[in-house]
Structures are given as C-alpha cells and as structure tokens.
Amino acid sequence: MPGDEAEIEIRPSCEADDFGKAVTPGFRAQEECLRAEVERQQNA
C-alpha cells in the first residue's frame, strides 16, 4: 500500500561456478573487486 514500508530481499539465482570455463580469471578478479567495493560501501 502507498506509504507502507516494505523490505525486498534479492537472492542470487546462480554463481560464477555454474558457468564453468566461460568464467575467465579476469572476470573472477573483477567480481572479487566489485564485491570488496560493495562491502566497503556497506561498512562506511
């Protein structure tokens, strides 16, 4: 309803390992960097 607060939970539906060899080491490094940045922002 308008004005009511709600909480939305977003869950991952897959992981990088689900894509096998298509996930390159560069992609893994980029993902790790992004995860670290998000964690830093959440802790700030």
PDB file of N, CA and C in Angstrom:
ATOM      1  N   MET A   1       0.824  -1.180   0.000  1.00  0.00           N
ATOM      2  CA  MET A   1       0.000   0.000   0.000  1.00  0.00           C
ATOM      3  C   MET A   1       0.876   1.254   0.000  1.00  0.00           C
ATOM      4  N   PRO A   2       0.427   2.314  -0.596  1.00  0.00           N
ATOM      5  CA  PRO A   2       1.208   3.550  -0.609  1.00  0.00           C
ATOM      6  C   PRO A   2       1.521   4.021   0.803  1.00  0.00           C
ATOM      7  N   GLY A   3       2.770   4.392   1.014  1.00  0.00           N
ATOM      8  CA  GLY A   3       3.183   4.874   2.318  1.00  0.00           C
ATOM      9  C   GLY A   3       3.646   3.794   3.269  1.00  0.00           C
ATOM     10  N   ASP A   4       3.330   2.536   2.979  1.00  0.00           N
ATOM     11  CA  ASP A   4       3.789   1.437   3.827  1.00  0.00           C
ATOM     12  C   ASP A   4       5.229   1.101   3.483  1.00  0.00           C
ATOM     13  N   GLU A   5       5.976   0.697   4.492  1.00  0.00           N
ATOM     14  CA  GLU A   5       7.358   0.285   4.257  1.00  0.00           C
ATOM     15  C   GLU A   5       7.378  -1.195   3.902  1.00  0.00           C
ATOM     16  N   ALA A   6       8.324  -1.559   3.075  1.00  0.00           N
ATOM     17  CA  ALA A   6       8.481  -2.956   2.674  1.00  0.00           C
ATOM     18  C   ALA A   6       9.966  -3.277   2.602  1.00  0.00           C
ATOM     19  N   GLU A   7      10.278  -4.525   2.771  1.00  0.00           N
ATOM     20  CA  GLU A   7      11.657  -4.983   2.650  1.00  0.00           C
ATOM     21  C   GLU A   7      11.726  -5.987   1.509  1.00  0.00           C
ATOM     22  N   ILE A   8      12.660  -5.770   0.614  1.00  0.00           N
ATOM     23  CA  ILE A   8      12.839  -6.665  -0.519  1.00  0.00           C
ATOM     24  C   ILE A   8      14.172  -7.359  -0.356  1.00  0.00           C
ATOM     25  N   GLU A   9      14.164  -8.664  -0.463  1.00  0.00           N
ATOM     26  CA  GLU A   9      15.389  -9.444  -0.365  1.00  0.00           C
ATOM     27  C   GLU A   9      15.742  -9.956  -1.757  1.00  0.00           C
ATOM     28  N   ILE A  10      16.953  -9.647  -2.194  1.00  0.00           N
ATOM     29  CA  ILE A  10      17.414 -10.092  -3.502  1.00  0.00           C
ATOM     30  C   ILE A  10      18.401 -11.230  -3.279  1.00  0.00           C
ATOM     31  N   ARG A  11      18.109 -12.374  -3.865  1.00  0.00           N
ATOM     32  CA  ARG A  11      18.960 -13.544  -3.705  1.00  0.00           C
ATOM     33  C   ARG A  11      19.575 -13.932  -5.042  1.00  0.00           C
ATOM     34  N   PRO A  12      20.825 -14.368  -5.012  1.00  0.00           N
ATOM     35  CA  PRO A  12      21.436 -14.815  -6.262  1.00  0.00           C
ATOM     36  C   PRO A  12      20.786 -16.110  -6.741  1.00  0.00           C
ATOM     37  N   SER A  13      20.583 -16.216  -8.035  1.00  0.00           N
ATOM     38  CA  SER A  13      19.982 -17.440  -8.577  1.00  0.00           C
ATOM     39  C   SER A  13      21.039 -18.379  -9.142  1.00  0.00           C
ATOM     40  N   CYS A  14      22.260 -17.866  -9.301  1.00  0.00           N
ATOM     41  CA  CYS A  14      23.353 -18.700  -9.780  1.00  0.00           C
ATOM     42  C   CYS A  14      24.669 -18.089  -9.317  1.00  0.00           C
ATOM     43  N   GLU A  15      25.724 -18.856  -9.435  1.00  0.00           N
ATOM     44  CA  GLU A  15      27.054 -18.388  -9.068  1.00  0.00           C
ATOM     45  C   GLU A  15      27.967 -18.514 -10.272  1.00  0.00           C
ATOM     46  N   ALA A  16      29.098 -17.857 -10.221  1.00  0.00           N
ATOM     47  CA  ALA A  16      30.038 -17.892 -11.342  1.00  0.00           C
ATOM     48  C   ALA A  16      30.452 -19.328 -11.673  1.00  0.00           C
ATOM     49  N   ASP A  17      30.585 -20.166 -10.666  1.00  0.00           N
ATOM     50  CA  ASP A  17      30.990 -21.554 -10.904  1.00  0.00           C
ATOM     51  C   ASP A  17      29.983 -22.320 -11.755  1.00  0.00           C
ATOM     52  N   ASP A  18      28.750 -21.863 -11.801  1.00  0.00           N
ATOM     53  CA  ASP A  18      27.728 -22.522 -12.617  1.00  0.00           C
ATOM     54  C   ASP A  18      28.021 -22.386 -14.113  1.00  0.00           C
ATOM     55  N   PHE A  19      28.908 -21.455 -14.486  1.00  0.00           N
ATOM     56  CA  PHE A  19      29.203 -21.207 -15.889  1.00  0.00           C
ATOM     57  C   PHE A  19      30.489 -21.875 -16.364  1.00  0.00           C
ATOM     58  N   GLY A  20      31.115 -22.641 -15.494  1.00  0.00           N
ATOM     59  CA  GLY A  20      32.283 -23.433 -15.867  1.00  0.00           C
ATOM     60  C   GLY A  20      33.420 -22.611 -16.456  1.00  0.00           C
ATOM     61  N   LYS A  21      33.950 -23.088 -17.583  1.00  0.00           N
ATOM     62  CA  LYS A  21      35.117 -22.469 -18.204  1.00  0.00           C
ATOM     63  C   LYS A  21      34.826 -21.112 -18.826  1.00  0.00           C
ATOM     64  N   ALA A  22      33.557 -20.756 -18.960  1.00  0.00           N
ATOM     65  CA  ALA A  22      33.200 -19.458 -19.537  1.00  0.00           C
ATOM     66  C   ALA A  22      33.601 -18.307 -18.610  1.00  0.00           C
ATOM     67  N   VAL A  23      33.810 -18.610 -17.336  1.00  0.00           N
ATOM     68  CA  VAL A  23      34.207 -17.576 -16.373  1.00  0.00           C
ATOM     69  C   VAL A  23      35.732 -17.520 -16.358  1.00  0.00           C
ATOM     70  N   THR A  24      36.265 -16.449 -16.895  1.00  0.00           N
ATOM     71  CA  THR A  24      37.707 -16.289 -17.010  1.00  0.00           C
ATOM     72  C   THR A  24      38.314 -15.797 -15.694  1.00  0.00           C
ATOM     73  N   PRO A  25      39.614 -15.988 -15.527  1.00  0.00           N
ATOM     74  CA  PRO A  25      40.269 -15.449 -14.330  1.00  0.00           C
ATOM     75  C   PRO A  25      40.090 -13.937 -14.208  1.00  0.00           C
ATOM     76  N   GLY A  26      40.082 -13.224 -15.326  1.00  0.00           N
ATOM     77  CA  GLY A  26      39.866 -11.779 -15.292  1.00  0.00           C
ATOM     78  C   GLY A  26      38.493 -11.424 -14.762  1.00  0.00           C
ATOM     79  N   PHE A  27      37.491 -12.204 -15.170  1.00  0.00           N
ATOM     80  CA  PHE A  27      36.138 -11.967 -14.674  1.00  0.00           C
ATOM     81  C   PHE A  27      36.068 -12.236 -13.177  1.00  0.00           C
ATOM     82  N   ARG A  28      36.695 -13.298 -12.737  1.00  0.00           N
ATOM     83  CA  ARG A  28      36.706 -13.613 -11.293  1.00  0.00           C
ATOM     84  C   ARG A  28      37.356 -12.479 -10.499  1.00  0.00           C
ATOM     85  N   ALA A  29      38.450 -11.939 -11.015  1.00  0.00           N
ATOM     86  CA  ALA A  29      39.130 -10.829 -10.338  1.00  0.00           C
ATOM     87  C   ALA A  29      38.239  -9.592 -10.295  1.00  0.00           C
ATOM     88  N   GLN A  30      37.561  -9.313 -11.395  1.00  0.00           N
ATOM     89  CA  GLN A  30      36.659  -8.160 -11.452  1.00  0.00           C
ATOM     90  C   GLN A  30      35.508  -8.335 -10.467  1.00  0.00           C
ATOM     91  N   GLU A  31      34.966  -9.552 -10.389  1.00  0.00           N
ATOM     92  CA  GLU A  31      33.867  -9.816  -9.461  1.00  0.00           C
ATOM     93  C   GLU A  31      34.326  -9.636  -8.014  1.00  0.00           C
ATOM     94  N   GLU A  32      35.517 -10.132  -7.694  1.00  0.00           N
ATOM     95  CA  GLU A  32      36.040 -10.004  -6.336  1.00  0.00           C
ATOM     96  C   GLU A  32      36.253  -8.535  -5.979  1.00  0.00           C
ATOM     97  N   CYS A  33      36.750  -7.756  -6.926  1.00  0.00           N
ATOM     98  CA  CYS A  33      36.949  -6.324  -6.707  1.00  0.00           C
ATOM     99  C   CYS A  33      35.608  -5.635  -6.441  1.00  0.00           C
ATOM    100  N   LEU A  34      34.609  -5.972  -7.220  1.00  0.00           N
ATOM    101  CA  LEU A  34      33.287  -5.380  -7.046  1.00  0.00           C
ATOM    102  C   LEU A  34      32.683  -5.768  -5.692  1.00  0.00           C
ATOM    103  N   ARG A  35      32.833  -7.033  -5.310  1.00  0.00           N
ATOM    104  CA  ARG A  35      32.319  -7.471  -4.002  1.00  0.00           C
ATOM    105  C   ARG A  35      33.000  -6.713  -2.861  1.00  0.00           C
ATOM    106  N   ALA A  36      34.306  -6.515  -2.969  1.00  0.00           N
ATOM    107  CA  ALA A  36      35.048  -5.779  -1.939  1.00  0.00           C
ATOM    108  C   ALA A  36      34.576  -4.333  -1.868  1.00  0.00           C
ATOM    109  N   GLU A  37      34.338  -3.712  -3.013  1.00  0.00           N
ATOM    110  CA  GLU A  37      33.864  -2.328  -3.043  1.00  0.00           C
ATOM    111  C   GLU A  37      32.476  -2.206  -2.393  1.00  0.00           C
ATOM    112  N   VAL A  38      31.592  -3.135  -2.697  1.00  0.00           N
ATOM    113  CA  VAL A  38      30.253  -3.114  -2.101  1.00  0.00           C
ATOM    114  C   VAL A  38      30.349  -3.277  -0.584  1.00  0.00           C
ATOM    115  N   GLU A  39      31.207  -4.189  -0.151  1.00  0.00           N
ATOM    116  CA  GLU A  39      31.378  -4.387   1.301  1.00  0.00           C
ATOM    117  C   GLU A  39      31.912  -3.123   1.971  1.00  0.00           C
ATOM    118  N   ARG A  40      32.876  -2.453   1.332  1.00  0.00           N
ATOM    119  CA  ARG A  40      33.408  -1.193   1.885  1.00  0.00           C
ATOM    120  C   ARG A  40      32.311  -0.141   1.989  1.00  0.00           C
ATOM    121  N   GLN A  41      31.460  -0.053   0.976  1.00  0.00           N
ATOM    122  CA  GLN A  41      30.381   0.942   0.990  1.00  0.00           C
ATOM    123  C   GLN A  41      29.353   0.628   2.061  1.00  0.00           C
ATOM    124  N   GLN A  42      29.081  -0.657   2.284  1.00  0.00           N
ATOM    125  CA  GLN A  42      28.100  -1.029   3.293  1.00  0.00           C
ATOM    126  C   GLN A  42      28.627  -0.776   4.701  1.00  0.00           C
ATOM    127  N   ASN A  43      29.935  -0.859   4.888  1.00  0.00           N
ATOM    128  CA  ASN A  43      30.528  -0.659   6.196  1.00  0.00           C
ATOM    129  C   ASN A  43      30.861   0.808   6.476  1.00  0.00           C
ATOM    130  N   ALA A  44      30.684   1.661   5.489  1.00  0.00           N
ATOM    131  CA  ALA A  44      31.022   3.089   5.656  1.00  0.00           C
ATOM    132  C   ALA A  44      29.923   3.834   6.390  1.00  0.00           C
TER     133      ALA A  44
END
